[in-house]
Amino acid sequence: MGLRKMLAAFAVLVAVSVSGPALAHEAHDPPAAVSVAAAPMADGHGSDMAGMPAVSAGMDHGGISADAAPRTMSQRLVRWLGAMHPAAVHFPIALFLVAAVLEIAALTLRRPVLTQGTRVIIAMAAISAVGAVVLGWFAMGLPGSDDVTHTYHRWLGTSIAALGLLSWWAKEHWVRKPGRKRELLYIGALTLTASAILVNALLGGILTHGMKHLMF
């Protein structure tokens, strides 16, 4: 009995530690733009790079670039709401991963009591995921000029919100009418949601920091 309690506590700690890297999926401060200026050559002539526009050190995560300041109230509102995405996305990421680890611990240790709180956790995670996705669309703008990484991040994030709502519905369906098929549907939906979150967190880190931030 003591071993089971220790394993259950360890599972909760793992949930918190696993959610840490995913929470770093967005940077709070965008990289500063690096201006490319002409450097004087030894012969006194300027470099061929003179007159080139400023080059951003990282990828712009918003639909409005740093150089194009919004002029209308609606543009300012969209940019401000989009800036809330990095903070809002942390909440559903942590909740879904904690719920998944608790479900795994309950199944492994055969302690259903560990899942008593997951019903509320998943409901809060699903609702907050929808809000985070809406803010993400404000941040990235309408699709059309996205590169491959932006495109995958956008649509995978949108899919996570849909999977989260499916997980919530499946959980409620299973709790109210227990059954093996309903249980498998819930476990499958939650597994897909957690897996998609981990992948999308990686894509978000690449967008913000570039590929080299993962180098060991």
C-alpha atoms as a PDB file:
ATOM      1  CA  MET A   1       0.000   0.000   0.000  1.00  0.00           C
ATOM      2  CA  GLY A   2       2.848   2.350   0.845  1.00  0.00           C
ATOM      3  CA  LEU A   3       4.512   1.622  -2.501  1.00  0.00           C
ATOM      4  CA  ARG A   4       1.334   2.436  -4.374  1.00  0.00           C
ATOM      5  CA  LYS A   5       1.043   5.777  -2.599  1.00  0.00           C
ATOM      6  CA  MET A   6       4.624   6.595  -3.464  1.00  0.00           C
ATOM      7  CA  LEU A   7       4.076   5.712  -7.121  1.00  0.00           C
ATOM      8  CA  ALA A   8       0.932   7.838  -7.251  1.00  0.00           C
ATOM      9  CA  ALA A   9       2.803  10.814  -5.800  1.00  0.00           C
ATOM     10  CA  PHE A  10       5.621  10.230  -8.263  1.00  0.00           C
ATOM     11  CA  ALA A  11       3.145  10.278 -11.173  1.00  0.00           C
ATOM     12  CA  VAL A  12       1.849  13.679 -10.078  1.00  0.00           C
ATOM     13  CA  LEU A  13       5.411  15.025  -9.866  1.00  0.00           C
ATOM     14  CA  VAL A  14       6.133  13.670 -13.337  1.00  0.00           C
ATOM     15  CA  ALA A  15       3.063  15.493 -14.653  1.00  0.00           C
ATOM     16  CA  VAL A  16       4.351  18.785 -13.319  1.00  0.00           C
ATOM     17  CA  SER A  17       7.871  18.204 -14.620  1.00  0.00           C
ATOM     18  CA  VAL A  18       6.679  17.083 -18.062  1.00  0.00           C
ATOM     19  CA  SER A  19       4.463  20.126 -18.444  1.00  0.00           C
ATOM     20  CA  GLY A  20       7.441  22.394 -17.761  1.00  0.00           C
ATOM     21  CA  PRO A  21       9.126  22.026 -21.178  1.00  0.00           C
ATOM     22  CA  ALA A  22       5.760  22.344 -22.904  1.00  0.00           C
ATOM     23  CA  LEU A  23       5.044  25.552 -21.052  1.00  0.00           C
ATOM     24  CA  ALA A  24       8.118  27.030 -22.676  1.00  0.00           C
ATOM     25  CA  HIS A  25       6.429  26.734 -26.057  1.00  0.00           C
ATOM     26  CA  GLU A  26       6.166  30.517 -26.395  1.00  0.00           C
ATOM     27  CA  ALA A  27       8.645  33.242 -25.516  1.00  0.00           C
ATOM     28  CA  HIS A  28       7.370  36.188 -23.511  1.00  0.00           C
ATOM     29  CA  ASP A  29       9.519  38.694 -25.339  1.00  0.00           C
ATOM     30  CA  PRO A  30       9.943  38.486 -29.123  1.00  0.00           C
ATOM     31  CA  PRO A  31      13.494  38.621 -30.446  1.00  0.00           C
ATOM     32  CA  ALA A  32      14.716  42.069 -31.264  1.00  0.00           C
ATOM     33  CA  ALA A  33      15.176  42.950 -34.910  1.00  0.00           C
ATOM     34  CA  VAL A  34      18.730  43.115 -36.104  1.00  0.00           C
ATOM     35  CA  SER A  35      19.397  45.917 -38.497  1.00  0.00           C
ATOM     36  CA  VAL A  36      21.770  45.183 -41.354  1.00  0.00           C
ATOM     37  CA  ALA A  37      23.848  48.278 -42.006  1.00  0.00           C
ATOM     38  CA  ALA A  38      26.592  48.969 -44.486  1.00  0.00           C
ATOM     39  CA  ALA A  39      30.025  48.547 -42.976  1.00  0.00           C
ATOM     40  CA  PRO A  40      32.840  50.697 -44.367  1.00  0.00           C
ATOM     41  CA  MET A  41      35.324  48.698 -46.406  1.00  0.00           C
ATOM     42  CA  ALA A  42      39.064  49.123 -46.424  1.00  0.00           C
ATOM     43  CA  ASP A  43      38.868  51.011 -49.725  1.00  0.00           C
ATOM     44  CA  GLY A  44      36.322  53.440 -48.281  1.00  0.00           C
ATOM     45  CA  HIS A  45      33.355  52.090 -50.205  1.00  0.00           C
ATOM     46  CA  GLY A  46      30.241  50.857 -48.512  1.00  0.00           C
ATOM     47  CA  SER A  47      29.173  47.229 -48.479  1.00  0.00           C
ATOM     48  CA  ASP A  48      26.810  45.862 -51.108  1.00  0.00           C
ATOM     49  CA  MET A  49      24.320  45.259 -48.283  1.00  0.00           C
ATOM     50  CA  ALA A  50      23.722  48.959 -47.786  1.00  0.00           C
ATOM     51  CA  GLY A  51      20.110  49.979 -47.963  1.00  0.00           C
ATOM     52  CA  MET A  52      18.724  46.541 -47.181  1.00  0.00           C
ATOM     53  CA  PRO A  53      15.771  46.438 -44.755  1.00  0.00           C
ATOM     54  CA  ALA A  54      16.113  45.271 -41.199  1.00  0.00           C
ATOM     55  CA  VAL A  55      16.241  41.503 -40.761  1.00  0.00           C
ATOM     56  CA  SER A  56      14.418  39.927 -37.865  1.00  0.00           C
ATOM     57  CA  ALA A  57      16.508  37.642 -35.648  1.00  0.00           C
ATOM     58  CA  GLY A  58      13.538  35.310 -35.182  1.00  0.00           C
ATOM     59  CA  MET A  59      10.251  34.397 -36.803  1.00  0.00           C
ATOM     60  CA  ASP A  60       7.357  36.779 -36.301  1.00  0.00           C
ATOM     61  CA  HIS A  61       4.685  34.867 -34.379  1.00  0.00           C
ATOM     62  CA  GLY A  62       1.985  37.451 -34.930  1.00  0.00           C
ATOM     63  CA  GLY A  63      -0.153  38.368 -37.867  1.00  0.00           C
ATOM     64  CA  ILE A  64       1.146  41.955 -37.719  1.00  0.00           C
ATOM     65  CA  SER A  65       4.885  42.358 -38.199  1.00  0.00           C
ATOM     66  CA  ALA A  66       6.981  44.442 -35.847  1.00  0.00           C
ATOM     67  CA  ASP A  67       7.615  46.998 -38.594  1.00  0.00           C
ATOM     68  CA  ALA A  68       3.950  47.529 -39.426  1.00  0.00           C
ATOM     69  CA  ALA A  69       2.437  49.275 -36.420  1.00  0.00           C
ATOM     70  CA  PRO A  70      -1.369  49.038 -36.259  1.00  0.00           C
ATOM     71  CA  ARG A  71      -3.147  52.276 -37.071  1.00  0.00           C
ATOM     72  CA  THR A  72      -6.820  51.532 -36.448  1.00  0.00           C
ATOM     73  CA  MET A  73      -8.457  50.593 -33.168  1.00  0.00           C
ATOM     74  CA  SER A  74      -9.430  47.163 -34.497  1.00  0.00           C
ATOM     75  CA  GLN A  75      -5.837  46.425 -35.519  1.00  0.00           C
ATOM     76  CA  ARG A  76      -4.580  47.492 -32.104  1.00  0.00           C
ATOM     77  CA  LEU A  77      -7.193  45.281 -30.412  1.00  0.00           C
ATOM     78  CA  VAL A  78      -6.297  42.256 -32.545  1.00  0.00           C
ATOM     79  CA  ARG A  79      -2.593  42.680 -31.845  1.00  0.00           C
ATOM     80  CA  TRP A  80      -3.242  43.120 -28.110  1.00  0.00           C
ATOM     81  CA  LEU A  81      -5.440  40.016 -27.934  1.00  0.00           C
ATOM     82  CA  GLY A  82      -2.888  38.034 -29.935  1.00  0.00           C
ATOM     83  CA  ALA A  83      -0.202  39.007 -27.453  1.00  0.00           C
ATOM     84  CA  MET A  84      -2.216  37.150 -24.772  1.00  0.00           C
ATOM     85  CA  HIS A  85      -1.783  33.804 -26.581  1.00  0.00           C
ATOM     86  CA  PRO A  86       1.602  32.847 -25.038  1.00  0.00           C
ATOM     87  CA  ALA A  87       0.187  33.289 -21.523  1.00  0.00           C
ATOM     88  CA  ALA A  88      -3.207  31.690 -22.192  1.00  0.00           C
ATOM     89  CA  VAL A  89      -1.829  28.575 -23.891  1.00  0.00           C
ATOM     90  CA  HIS A  90       0.076  27.483 -20.777  1.00  0.00           C
ATOM     91  CA  PHE A  91      -3.111  26.725 -18.868  1.00  0.00           C
ATOM     92  CA  PRO A  92      -4.632  23.992 -21.106  1.00  0.00           C
ATOM     93  CA  ILE A  93      -1.195  22.495 -21.788  1.00  0.00           C
ATOM     94  CA  ALA A  94      -0.551  21.868 -18.102  1.00  0.00           C
ATOM     95  CA  LEU A  95      -4.099  20.695 -17.328  1.00  0.00           C
ATOM     96  CA  PHE A  96      -4.315  18.166 -20.157  1.00  0.00           C
ATOM     97  CA  LEU A  97      -0.910  16.680 -19.347  1.00  0.00           C
ATOM     98  CA  VAL A  98      -1.687  16.448 -15.633  1.00  0.00           C
ATOM     99  CA  ALA A  99      -5.015  14.753 -16.403  1.00  0.00           C
ATOM    100  CA  ALA A 100      -3.295  12.263 -18.699  1.00  0.00           C
ATOM    101  CA  VAL A 101      -0.669  11.358 -16.098  1.00  0.00           C
ATOM    102  CA  LEU A 102      -3.327  10.943 -13.394  1.00  0.00           C
ATOM    103  CA  GLU A 103      -5.319   8.615 -15.644  1.00  0.00           C
ATOM    104  CA  ILE A 104      -2.179   6.575 -16.347  1.00  0.00           C
ATOM    105  CA  ALA A 105      -1.372   6.393 -12.634  1.00  0.00           C
ATOM    106  CA  ALA A 106      -4.903   5.303 -11.765  1.00  0.00           C
ATOM    107  CA  LEU A 107      -4.832   2.582 -14.428  1.00  0.00           C
ATOM    108  CA  THR A 108      -1.351   1.369 -13.492  1.00  0.00           C
ATOM    109  CA  LEU A 109      -1.859   1.385  -9.738  1.00  0.00           C
ATOM    110  CA  ARG A 110      -5.518   0.348  -9.953  1.00  0.00           C
ATOM    111  CA  ARG A 111      -6.521   3.346  -7.865  1.00  0.00           C
ATOM    112  CA  PRO A 112      -9.659   4.887  -9.435  1.00  0.00           C
ATOM    113  CA  VAL A 113      -9.650   7.500  -6.687  1.00  0.00           C
ATOM    114  CA  LEU A 114      -6.846   9.291  -8.563  1.00  0.00           C
ATOM    115  CA  THR A 115      -9.239  10.130 -11.388  1.00  0.00           C
ATOM    116  CA  GLN A 116     -11.847  11.856  -9.235  1.00  0.00           C
ATOM    117  CA  GLY A 117     -10.421  15.276 -10.033  1.00  0.00           C
ATOM    118  CA  THR A 118      -9.780  14.679 -13.731  1.00  0.00           C
ATOM    119  CA  ARG A 119     -13.414  15.373 -14.628  1.00  0.00           C
ATOM    120  CA  VAL A 120     -13.057  18.999 -13.559  1.00  0.00           C
ATOM    121  CA  ILE A 121      -9.485  19.282 -14.845  1.00  0.00           C
ATOM    122  CA  ILE A 122     -10.442  18.165 -18.356  1.00  0.00           C
ATOM    123  CA  ALA A 123     -13.466  20.463 -18.453  1.00  0.00           C
ATOM    124  CA  MET A 124     -11.305  23.459 -17.529  1.00  0.00           C
ATOM    125  CA  ALA A 125      -8.614  22.372 -19.991  1.00  0.00           C
ATOM    126  CA  ALA A 126     -11.072  22.039 -22.885  1.00  0.00           C
ATOM    127  CA  ILE A 127     -12.651  25.440 -22.292  1.00  0.00           C
ATOM    128  CA  SER A 128      -9.311  27.197 -21.881  1.00  0.00           C
ATOM    129  CA  ALA A 129      -7.948  25.455 -25.003  1.00  0.00           C
ATOM    130  CA  VAL A 130     -10.691  27.014 -27.115  1.00  0.00           C
ATOM    131  CA  GLY A 131      -9.817  30.446 -25.734  1.00  0.00           C
ATOM    132  CA  ALA A 132      -6.097  29.893 -26.362  1.00  0.00           C
ATOM    133  CA  VAL A 133      -6.759  28.858 -29.964  1.00  0.00           C
ATOM    134  CA  VAL A 134      -8.866  31.958 -30.610  1.00  0.00           C
ATOM    135  CA  LEU A 135      -6.068  34.143 -29.256  1.00  0.00           C
ATOM    136  CA  GLY A 136      -3.593  32.184 -31.376  1.00  0.00           C
ATOM    137  CA  TRP A 137      -5.566  33.038 -34.513  1.00  0.00           C
ATOM    138  CA  PHE A 138      -5.459  36.688 -33.495  1.00  0.00           C
ATOM    139  CA  ALA A 139      -1.690  36.382 -33.037  1.00  0.00           C
ATOM    140  CA  MET A 140      -1.004  34.703 -36.383  1.00  0.00           C
ATOM    141  CA  GLY A 141      -3.642  36.413 -38.504  1.00  0.00           C
ATOM    142  CA  LEU A 142      -5.513  34.765 -41.348  1.00  0.00           C
ATOM    143  CA  PRO A 143      -3.778  31.911 -43.210  1.00  0.00           C
ATOM    144  CA  GLY A 144      -2.318  32.557 -46.602  1.00  0.00           C
ATOM    145  CA  SER A 145       1.325  33.518 -46.240  1.00  0.00           C
ATOM    146  CA  ASP A 146       2.336  31.032 -43.540  1.00  0.00           C
ATOM    147  CA  ASP A 147       5.455  28.931 -43.892  1.00  0.00           C
ATOM    148  CA  VAL A 148       5.339  25.185 -43.214  1.00  0.00           C
ATOM    149  CA  THR A 149       6.026  25.443 -39.476  1.00  0.00           C
ATOM    150  CA  HIS A 150       3.443  28.177 -38.958  1.00  0.00           C
ATOM    151  CA  THR A 151       0.878  26.165 -40.930  1.00  0.00           C
ATOM    152  CA  TYR A 152       1.392  22.990 -38.879  1.00  0.00           C
ATOM    153  CA  HIS A 153       1.365  24.960 -35.623  1.00  0.00           C
ATOM    154  CA  ARG A 154      -1.847  26.760 -36.535  1.00  0.00           C
ATOM    155  CA  TRP A 155      -3.872  23.748 -37.612  1.00  0.00           C
ATOM    156  CA  LEU A 156      -2.506  21.343 -35.026  1.00  0.00           C
ATOM    157  CA  GLY A 157      -3.389  23.884 -32.324  1.00  0.00           C
ATOM    158  CA  THR A 158      -6.898  24.187 -33.736  1.00  0.00           C
ATOM    159  CA  SER A 159      -7.179  20.396 -33.771  1.00  0.00           C
ATOM    160  CA  ILE A 160      -6.101  20.268 -30.130  1.00  0.00           C
ATOM    161  CA  ALA A 161      -9.067  22.421 -29.153  1.00  0.00           C
ATOM    162  CA  ALA A 162     -11.401  20.039 -31.009  1.00  0.00           C
ATOM    163  CA  LEU A 163      -9.745  16.982 -29.443  1.00  0.00           C
ATOM    164  CA  GLY A 164      -9.981  18.609 -26.028  1.00  0.00           C
ATOM    165  CA  LEU A 165     -13.718  19.126 -26.410  1.00  0.00           C
ATOM    166  CA  LEU A 166     -14.043  15.508 -27.579  1.00  0.00           C
ATOM    167  CA  SER A 167     -12.104  14.324 -24.513  1.00  0.00           C
ATOM    168  CA  TRP A 168     -14.374  16.341 -22.238  1.00  0.00           C
ATOM    169  CA  TRP A 169     -17.504  14.927 -23.884  1.00  0.00           C
ATOM    170  CA  ALA A 170     -16.123  11.374 -23.752  1.00  0.00           C
ATOM    171  CA  LYS A 171     -15.243  11.741 -20.075  1.00  0.00           C
ATOM    172  CA  GLU A 172     -18.740  12.942 -19.193  1.00  0.00           C
ATOM    173  CA  HIS A 173     -20.295  10.230 -21.356  1.00  0.00           C
ATOM    174  CA  TRP A 174     -18.237   7.552 -19.601  1.00  0.00           C
ATOM    175  CA  VAL A 175     -18.863   8.868 -16.083  1.00  0.00           C
ATOM    176  CA  ARG A 176     -22.622   9.045 -16.549  1.00  0.00           C
ATOM    177  CA  LYS A 177     -22.916   5.688 -18.334  1.00  0.00           C
ATOM    178  CA  PRO A 178     -19.886   3.520 -17.554  1.00  0.00           C
ATOM    179  CA  GLY A 179     -18.918   1.047 -20.212  1.00  0.00           C
ATOM    180  CA  ARG A 180     -15.837  -0.424 -21.862  1.00  0.00           C
ATOM    181  CA  LYS A 181     -16.425   1.249 -25.248  1.00  0.00           C
ATOM    182  CA  ARG A 182     -16.977   4.652 -23.657  1.00  0.00           C
ATOM    183  CA  GLU A 183     -13.843   4.190 -21.565  1.00  0.00           C
ATOM    184  CA  LEU A 184     -11.753   3.356 -24.645  1.00  0.00           C
ATOM    185  CA  LEU A 185     -13.162   6.361 -26.496  1.00  0.00           C
ATOM    186  CA  TYR A 186     -12.192   8.650 -23.637  1.00  0.00           C
ATOM    187  CA  ILE A 187      -8.710   7.146 -23.248  1.00  0.00           C
ATOM    188  CA  GLY A 188      -8.093   7.384 -26.984  1.00  0.00           C
ATOM    189  CA  ALA A 189      -9.237  11.002 -27.218  1.00  0.00           C
ATOM    190  CA  LEU A 190      -7.167  12.067 -24.218  1.00  0.00           C
ATOM    191  CA  THR A 191      -4.094  10.236 -25.552  1.00  0.00           C
ATOM    192  CA  LEU A 192      -4.381  11.991 -28.914  1.00  0.00           C
ATOM    193  CA  THR A 193      -4.861  15.346 -27.206  1.00  0.00           C
ATOM    194  CA  ALA A 194      -1.804  14.975 -24.972  1.00  0.00           C
ATOM    195  CA  SER A 195       0.356  13.734 -27.861  1.00  0.00           C
ATOM    196  CA  ALA A 196      -0.710  16.608 -30.107  1.00  0.00           C
ATOM    197  CA  ILE A 197       0.058  19.083 -27.316  1.00  0.00           C
ATOM    198  CA  LEU A 198       3.622  17.824 -26.992  1.00  0.00           C
ATOM    199  CA  VAL A 199       4.208  18.060 -30.748  1.00  0.00           C
ATOM    200  CA  ASN A 200       2.668  21.524 -31.015  1.00  0.00           C
ATOM    201  CA  ALA A 201       4.684  22.757 -28.059  1.00  0.00           C
ATOM    202  CA  LEU A 202       7.798  21.689 -29.960  1.00  0.00           C
ATOM    203  CA  LEU A 203       6.620  23.579 -33.047  1.00  0.00           C
ATOM    204  CA  GLY A 204       5.916  26.657 -30.957  1.00  0.00           C
ATOM    205  CA  GLY A 205       9.428  26.546 -29.540  1.00  0.00           C
ATOM    206  CA  ILE A 206      10.863  26.285 -33.055  1.00  0.00           C
ATOM    207  CA  LEU A 207       8.835  29.297 -34.191  1.00  0.00           C
ATOM    208  CA  THR A 208       9.997  31.375 -31.262  1.00  0.00           C
ATOM    209  CA  HIS A 209      13.610  30.280 -30.788  1.00  0.00           C
ATOM    210  CA  GLY A 210      14.556  28.476 -33.993  1.00  0.00           C
ATOM    211  CA  MET A 211      15.814  24.905 -34.391  1.00  0.00           C
ATOM    212  CA  LYS A 212      19.131  25.520 -32.651  1.00  0.00           C
ATOM    213  CA  HIS A 213      17.538  25.962 -29.231  1.00  0.00           C
ATOM    214  CA  LEU A 214      17.085  22.169 -29.114  1.00  0.00           C
ATOM    215  CA  MET A 215      20.743  21.432 -29.667  1.00  0.00           C
ATOM    216  CA  PHE A 216      22.343  19.517 -26.794  1.00  0.00           C
END
